[in-house]
Amino acid sequence: MLGKWLRENKYAAGILLFVRFYFGYEWLTHGWQKLTGGFTAEGFLNNAVTKPVIDKATNELVYPTFTAFIQHFALPNVKIINFMIPLGEFLVGLGLILGVLTTAAAFFGLMMNFMFMFAGTVSTNPWFILIGGILFMAGANTGRFGIDHYLMPFLRKLLTHKKNPTDLTTGTGTNHKRLHA
């Protein structure tokens, strides 16, 4: 019931507009500060490898595959990561503020927050995951009062290849017959 309301109700879209603006601003400013302030993720990534999330009862890694990913992929390619994180944060914020591809922006914002939490950082990530999850669950209604209102019908039309009505055929298999001469 709540999901349907989030996805279809115009009043929900109005509430989501203000939520979008706030969280979009947060993402955008964090990304911009990192883009213009000489951001490096190397210390964060090293800390995630040297002090990973460990189960205190068993003393085993909670996320061993994520730790391996950081150690064997992210750290050797830290220059790419140093560019991708701020750019991703900036684009998520821009998408949420303008209402452009808002579902995708919410999804990638959720992905980044989960990655930060897997690395052992709590900070504001649970709050961002909660609100980002609501924005993601609302789907296209999140961008109802934004560019998505115009962009999504265009993309649907572009991506759904409708057949030419004069080229209709009957039957199945390889033996097609034209309906009209």
C-alpha atoms as a PDB file:
ATOM      1  CA  MET A   1       0.000   0.000   0.000  1.00  0.00           C
ATOM      2  CA  LEU A   2       2.773   2.466   0.927  1.00  0.00           C
ATOM      3  CA  GLY A   3       4.803   1.388  -2.099  1.00  0.00           C
ATOM      4  CA  LYS A   4       1.888   2.055  -4.446  1.00  0.00           C
ATOM      5  CA  TRP A   5       1.351   5.464  -2.832  1.00  0.00           C
ATOM      6  CA  LEU A   6       5.050   6.322  -3.243  1.00  0.00           C
ATOM      7  CA  ARG A   7       5.087   5.214  -6.889  1.00  0.00           C
ATOM      8  CA  GLU A   8       1.798   6.756  -8.067  1.00  0.00           C
ATOM      9  CA  ASN A   9       0.544   9.596  -5.851  1.00  0.00           C
ATOM     10  CA  LYS A  10       1.162  13.201  -6.904  1.00  0.00           C
ATOM     11  CA  TYR A  11       1.290  14.348  -3.266  1.00  0.00           C
ATOM     12  CA  ALA A  12       3.983  11.767  -2.585  1.00  0.00           C
ATOM     13  CA  ALA A  13       5.851  13.152  -5.605  1.00  0.00           C
ATOM     14  CA  GLY A  14       5.618  16.617  -4.049  1.00  0.00           C
ATOM     15  CA  ILE A  15       7.066  15.380  -0.751  1.00  0.00           C
ATOM     16  CA  LEU A  16       9.755  13.457  -2.614  1.00  0.00           C
ATOM     17  CA  LEU A  17      10.661  16.645  -4.475  1.00  0.00           C
ATOM     18  CA  PHE A  18      11.815  18.283  -1.239  1.00  0.00           C
ATOM     19  CA  VAL A  19      13.582  15.106  -0.099  1.00  0.00           C
ATOM     20  CA  ARG A  20      15.274  14.947  -3.500  1.00  0.00           C
ATOM     21  CA  PHE A  21      16.431  18.551  -3.238  1.00  0.00           C
ATOM     22  CA  TYR A  22      17.897  18.063   0.224  1.00  0.00           C
ATOM     23  CA  PHE A  23      19.721  14.804  -0.480  1.00  0.00           C
ATOM     24  CA  GLY A  24      20.715  15.974  -3.932  1.00  0.00           C
ATOM     25  CA  TYR A  25      22.307  19.034  -2.365  1.00  0.00           C
ATOM     26  CA  GLU A  26      24.166  16.842   0.139  1.00  0.00           C
ATOM     27  CA  TRP A  27      25.499  14.539  -2.601  1.00  0.00           C
ATOM     28  CA  LEU A  28      26.341  17.426  -4.919  1.00  0.00           C
ATOM     29  CA  THR A  29      28.265  19.432  -2.322  1.00  0.00           C
ATOM     30  CA  HIS A  30      30.207  16.405  -1.062  1.00  0.00           C
ATOM     31  CA  GLY A  31      31.127  15.490  -4.628  1.00  0.00           C
ATOM     32  CA  TRP A  32      32.059  19.068  -5.531  1.00  0.00           C
ATOM     33  CA  GLN A  33      34.251  19.454  -2.453  1.00  0.00           C
ATOM     34  CA  LYS A  34      36.096  16.281  -3.391  1.00  0.00           C
ATOM     35  CA  LEU A  35      36.401  17.253  -7.063  1.00  0.00           C
ATOM     36  CA  THR A  36      37.861  20.661  -6.274  1.00  0.00           C
ATOM     37  CA  GLY A  37      39.672  19.930  -3.017  1.00  0.00           C
ATOM     38  CA  GLY A  38      42.311  17.371  -3.978  1.00  0.00           C
ATOM     39  CA  PHE A  39      40.470  14.275  -2.758  1.00  0.00           C
ATOM     40  CA  THR A  40      42.329  10.999  -2.344  1.00  0.00           C
ATOM     41  CA  ALA A  41      40.748   7.726  -1.232  1.00  0.00           C
ATOM     42  CA  GLU A  42      44.070   5.980  -0.624  1.00  0.00           C
ATOM     43  CA  GLY A  43      44.063   6.426   3.166  1.00  0.00           C
ATOM     44  CA  PHE A  44      40.427   5.344   3.412  1.00  0.00           C
ATOM     45  CA  LEU A  45      41.081   2.259   1.275  1.00  0.00           C
ATOM     46  CA  ASN A  46      44.249   1.339   3.203  1.00  0.00           C
ATOM     47  CA  ASN A  47      42.308   1.643   6.454  1.00  0.00           C
ATOM     48  CA  ALA A  48      39.557  -0.595   5.058  1.00  0.00           C
ATOM     49  CA  VAL A  49      42.187  -3.282   4.353  1.00  0.00           C
ATOM     50  CA  THR A  50      44.274  -2.921   7.529  1.00  0.00           C
ATOM     51  CA  LYS A  51      41.245  -2.541   9.838  1.00  0.00           C
ATOM     52  CA  PRO A  52      38.425  -4.424   8.098  1.00  0.00           C
ATOM     53  CA  VAL A  53      35.030  -5.137   9.633  1.00  0.00           C
ATOM     54  CA  ILE A  54      35.606  -8.178  11.866  1.00  0.00           C
ATOM     55  CA  ASP A  55      33.109 -10.366  13.716  1.00  0.00           C
ATOM     56  CA  LYS A  56      34.132 -10.016  17.365  1.00  0.00           C
ATOM     57  CA  ALA A  57      32.841 -13.468  18.308  1.00  0.00           C
ATOM     58  CA  THR A  58      34.715 -15.439  15.628  1.00  0.00           C
ATOM     59  CA  ASN A  59      37.436 -12.891  14.796  1.00  0.00           C
ATOM     60  CA  GLU A  60      36.745 -13.468  11.078  1.00  0.00           C
ATOM     61  CA  LEU A  61      36.195 -10.929   8.327  1.00  0.00           C
ATOM     62  CA  VAL A  62      32.532 -10.013   7.872  1.00  0.00           C
ATOM     63  CA  TYR A  63      33.036  -8.939   4.231  1.00  0.00           C
ATOM     64  CA  PRO A  64      36.069 -10.912   2.978  1.00  0.00           C
ATOM     65  CA  THR A  65      35.234 -10.479  -0.709  1.00  0.00           C
ATOM     66  CA  PHE A  66      34.876  -6.722  -0.328  1.00  0.00           C
ATOM     67  CA  THR A  67      38.184  -6.503   1.515  1.00  0.00           C
ATOM     68  CA  ALA A  68      39.806  -8.536  -1.258  1.00  0.00           C
ATOM     69  CA  PHE A  69      38.223  -6.244  -3.865  1.00  0.00           C
ATOM     70  CA  ILE A  70      39.702  -3.197  -2.155  1.00  0.00           C
ATOM     71  CA  GLN A  71      43.114  -4.799  -1.714  1.00  0.00           C
ATOM     72  CA  HIS A  72      43.464  -6.283  -5.198  1.00  0.00           C
ATOM     73  CA  PHE A  73      41.506  -3.857  -7.380  1.00  0.00           C
ATOM     74  CA  ALA A  74      40.719  -0.537  -5.722  1.00  0.00           C
ATOM     75  CA  LEU A  75      44.128   0.165  -4.170  1.00  0.00           C
ATOM     76  CA  PRO A  76      46.140  -0.693  -7.306  1.00  0.00           C
ATOM     77  CA  ASN A  77      43.745   1.556  -9.271  1.00  0.00           C
ATOM     78  CA  VAL A  78      43.396   4.302  -6.672  1.00  0.00           C
ATOM     79  CA  LYS A  79      43.716   7.045  -9.293  1.00  0.00           C
ATOM     80  CA  ILE A  80      40.554   5.784 -10.998  1.00  0.00           C
ATOM     81  CA  ILE A  81      38.789   5.505  -7.625  1.00  0.00           C
ATOM     82  CA  ASN A  82      39.904   9.054  -6.741  1.00  0.00           C
ATOM     83  CA  PHE A  83      38.061  10.265  -9.828  1.00  0.00           C
ATOM     84  CA  MET A  84      35.044   7.934  -9.733  1.00  0.00           C
ATOM     85  CA  ILE A  85      33.910   8.614  -6.149  1.00  0.00           C
ATOM     86  CA  PRO A  86      33.695  12.433  -6.391  1.00  0.00           C
ATOM     87  CA  LEU A  87      32.253  12.294  -9.897  1.00  0.00           C
ATOM     88  CA  GLY A  88      29.690   9.707  -8.810  1.00  0.00           C
ATOM     89  CA  GLU A  89      28.677  11.762  -5.775  1.00  0.00           C
ATOM     90  CA  PHE A  90      28.391  14.898  -7.898  1.00  0.00           C
ATOM     91  CA  LEU A  91      26.298  13.172 -10.592  1.00  0.00           C
ATOM     92  CA  VAL A  92      23.996  11.535  -8.030  1.00  0.00           C
ATOM     93  CA  GLY A  93      23.391  14.963  -6.515  1.00  0.00           C
ATOM     94  CA  LEU A  94      22.834  16.589  -9.888  1.00  0.00           C
ATOM     95  CA  GLY A  95      20.406  13.856 -10.927  1.00  0.00           C
ATOM     96  CA  LEU A  96      18.403  14.198  -7.727  1.00  0.00           C
ATOM     97  CA  ILE A  97      18.260  17.994  -7.812  1.00  0.00           C
ATOM     98  CA  LEU A  98      17.265  18.242 -11.481  1.00  0.00           C
ATOM     99  CA  GLY A  99      15.065  15.162 -11.412  1.00  0.00           C
ATOM    100  CA  VAL A 100      17.029  13.518 -14.235  1.00  0.00           C
ATOM    101  CA  LEU A 101      17.215   9.718 -14.148  1.00  0.00           C
ATOM    102  CA  THR A 102      16.269   9.942 -10.475  1.00  0.00           C
ATOM    103  CA  THR A 103      15.778   6.209  -9.988  1.00  0.00           C
ATOM    104  CA  ALA A 104      19.263   5.550 -11.371  1.00  0.00           C
ATOM    105  CA  ALA A 105      20.701   8.359  -9.239  1.00  0.00           C
ATOM    106  CA  ALA A 106      19.071   6.894  -6.117  1.00  0.00           C
ATOM    107  CA  PHE A 107      20.353   3.415  -7.029  1.00  0.00           C
ATOM    108  CA  PHE A 108      23.959   4.542  -7.487  1.00  0.00           C
ATOM    109  CA  GLY A 109      23.765   6.632  -4.330  1.00  0.00           C
ATOM    110  CA  LEU A 110      22.653   3.487  -2.479  1.00  0.00           C
ATOM    111  CA  MET A 111      25.521   1.522  -4.016  1.00  0.00           C
ATOM    112  CA  MET A 112      28.105   4.066  -2.870  1.00  0.00           C
ATOM    113  CA  ASN A 113      26.649   4.163   0.638  1.00  0.00           C
ATOM    114  CA  PHE A 114      26.739   0.380   0.898  1.00  0.00           C
ATOM    115  CA  MET A 115      30.357   0.362  -0.293  1.00  0.00           C
ATOM    116  CA  PHE A 116      31.300   2.922   2.369  1.00  0.00           C
ATOM    117  CA  MET A 117      29.552   0.824   5.027  1.00  0.00           C
ATOM    118  CA  PHE A 118      31.223  -2.407   3.862  1.00  0.00           C
ATOM    119  CA  ALA A 119      34.526  -0.590   4.360  1.00  0.00           C
ATOM    120  CA  GLY A 120      33.563   0.074   7.980  1.00  0.00           C
ATOM    121  CA  THR A 121      32.369   3.678   7.834  1.00  0.00           C
ATOM    122  CA  VAL A 122      29.037   4.428   9.468  1.00  0.00           C
ATOM    123  CA  SER A 123      28.814   8.262   9.492  1.00  0.00           C
ATOM    124  CA  THR A 124      25.627   9.418   7.692  1.00  0.00           C
ATOM    125  CA  ASN A 125      25.496   6.342   5.469  1.00  0.00           C
ATOM    126  CA  PRO A 126      22.591   4.556   7.237  1.00  0.00           C
ATOM    127  CA  TRP A 127      20.496   7.731   6.985  1.00  0.00           C
ATOM    128  CA  PHE A 128      21.389   8.124   3.305  1.00  0.00           C
ATOM    129  CA  ILE A 129      20.566   4.442   2.691  1.00  0.00           C
ATOM    130  CA  LEU A 130      17.159   4.801   4.332  1.00  0.00           C
ATOM    131  CA  ILE A 131      16.166   7.908   2.375  1.00  0.00           C
ATOM    132  CA  GLY A 132      17.853   6.676  -0.821  1.00  0.00           C
ATOM    133  CA  GLY A 133      15.871   3.438  -0.511  1.00  0.00           C
ATOM    134  CA  ILE A 134      12.630   5.405  -0.276  1.00  0.00           C
ATOM    135  CA  LEU A 135      13.574   7.468  -3.328  1.00  0.00           C
ATOM    136  CA  PHE A 136      14.496   4.283  -5.209  1.00  0.00           C
ATOM    137  CA  MET A 137      11.255   2.516  -4.217  1.00  0.00           C
ATOM    138  CA  ALA A 138       9.224   5.480  -5.463  1.00  0.00           C
ATOM    139  CA  GLY A 139      10.642   4.865  -8.939  1.00  0.00           C
ATOM    140  CA  ALA A 140       9.633   7.290 -11.675  1.00  0.00           C
ATOM    141  CA  ASN A 141       7.365   9.203  -9.286  1.00  0.00           C
ATOM    142  CA  THR A 142      10.516  10.550  -7.629  1.00  0.00           C
ATOM    143  CA  GLY A 143      11.216  12.571 -10.778  1.00  0.00           C
ATOM    144  CA  ARG A 144       7.594  13.452 -11.536  1.00  0.00           C
ATOM    145  CA  PHE A 145       8.329  17.123 -10.801  1.00  0.00           C
ATOM    146  CA  GLY A 146      11.587  17.252 -12.698  1.00  0.00           C
ATOM    147  CA  ILE A 147      13.140  16.588 -16.064  1.00  0.00           C
ATOM    148  CA  ASP A 148      12.147  12.899 -15.778  1.00  0.00           C
ATOM    149  CA  HIS A 149       8.538  13.960 -16.398  1.00  0.00           C
ATOM    150  CA  TYR A 150       9.560  14.737 -19.986  1.00  0.00           C
ATOM    151  CA  LEU A 151      12.592  12.480 -20.366  1.00  0.00           C
ATOM    152  CA  MET A 152      11.090   9.144 -19.327  1.00  0.00           C
ATOM    153  CA  PRO A 153       8.265   9.057 -21.939  1.00  0.00           C
ATOM    154  CA  PHE A 154      10.820   9.992 -24.593  1.00  0.00           C
ATOM    155  CA  LEU A 155      13.196   7.221 -23.456  1.00  0.00           C
ATOM    156  CA  ARG A 156      10.349   4.677 -23.310  1.00  0.00           C
ATOM    157  CA  LYS A 157       9.338   5.569 -26.857  1.00  0.00           C
ATOM    158  CA  LEU A 158      12.932   5.441 -28.026  1.00  0.00           C
ATOM    159  CA  LEU A 159      13.716   2.110 -26.349  1.00  0.00           C
ATOM    160  CA  THR A 160      10.507   0.258 -27.192  1.00  0.00           C
ATOM    161  CA  HIS A 161      10.791  -0.512 -30.863  1.00  0.00           C
ATOM    162  CA  LYS A 162       7.249  -0.490 -32.173  1.00  0.00           C
ATOM    163  CA  LYS A 163       6.820  -2.251 -35.450  1.00  0.00           C
ATOM    164  CA  ASN A 164       5.565  -0.430 -38.472  1.00  0.00           C
ATOM    165  CA  PRO A 165       1.768  -1.031 -38.651  1.00  0.00           C
ATOM    166  CA  THR A 166       1.950  -1.594 -42.434  1.00  0.00           C
ATOM    167  CA  ASP A 167       4.382  -4.479 -41.900  1.00  0.00           C
ATOM    168  CA  LEU A 168       2.084  -6.742 -39.882  1.00  0.00           C
ATOM    169  CA  THR A 169       2.345 -10.462 -40.480  1.00  0.00           C
ATOM    170  CA  THR A 170       0.293 -13.452 -39.353  1.00  0.00           C
ATOM    171  CA  GLY A 171       1.286 -16.912 -38.333  1.00  0.00           C
ATOM    172  CA  THR A 172       4.344 -18.190 -36.549  1.00  0.00           C
ATOM    173  CA  GLY A 173       7.656 -19.618 -37.578  1.00  0.00           C
ATOM    174  CA  THR A 174       9.212 -18.811 -40.940  1.00  0.00           C
ATOM    175  CA  ASN A 175       6.093 -18.967 -43.100  1.00  0.00           C
ATOM    176  CA  HIS A 176       4.855 -15.366 -42.727  1.00  0.00           C
ATOM    177  CA  LYS A 177       2.031 -13.934 -44.806  1.00  0.00           C
ATOM    178  CA  ARG A 178       1.278 -10.252 -45.125  1.00  0.00           C
ATOM    179  CA  LEU A 179      -2.061  -9.032 -43.807  1.00  0.00           C
ATOM    180  CA  HIS A 180      -2.380  -6.280 -46.408  1.00  0.00           C
ATOM    181  CA  ALA A 181      -1.189  -6.248 -49.981  1.00  0.00           C
END
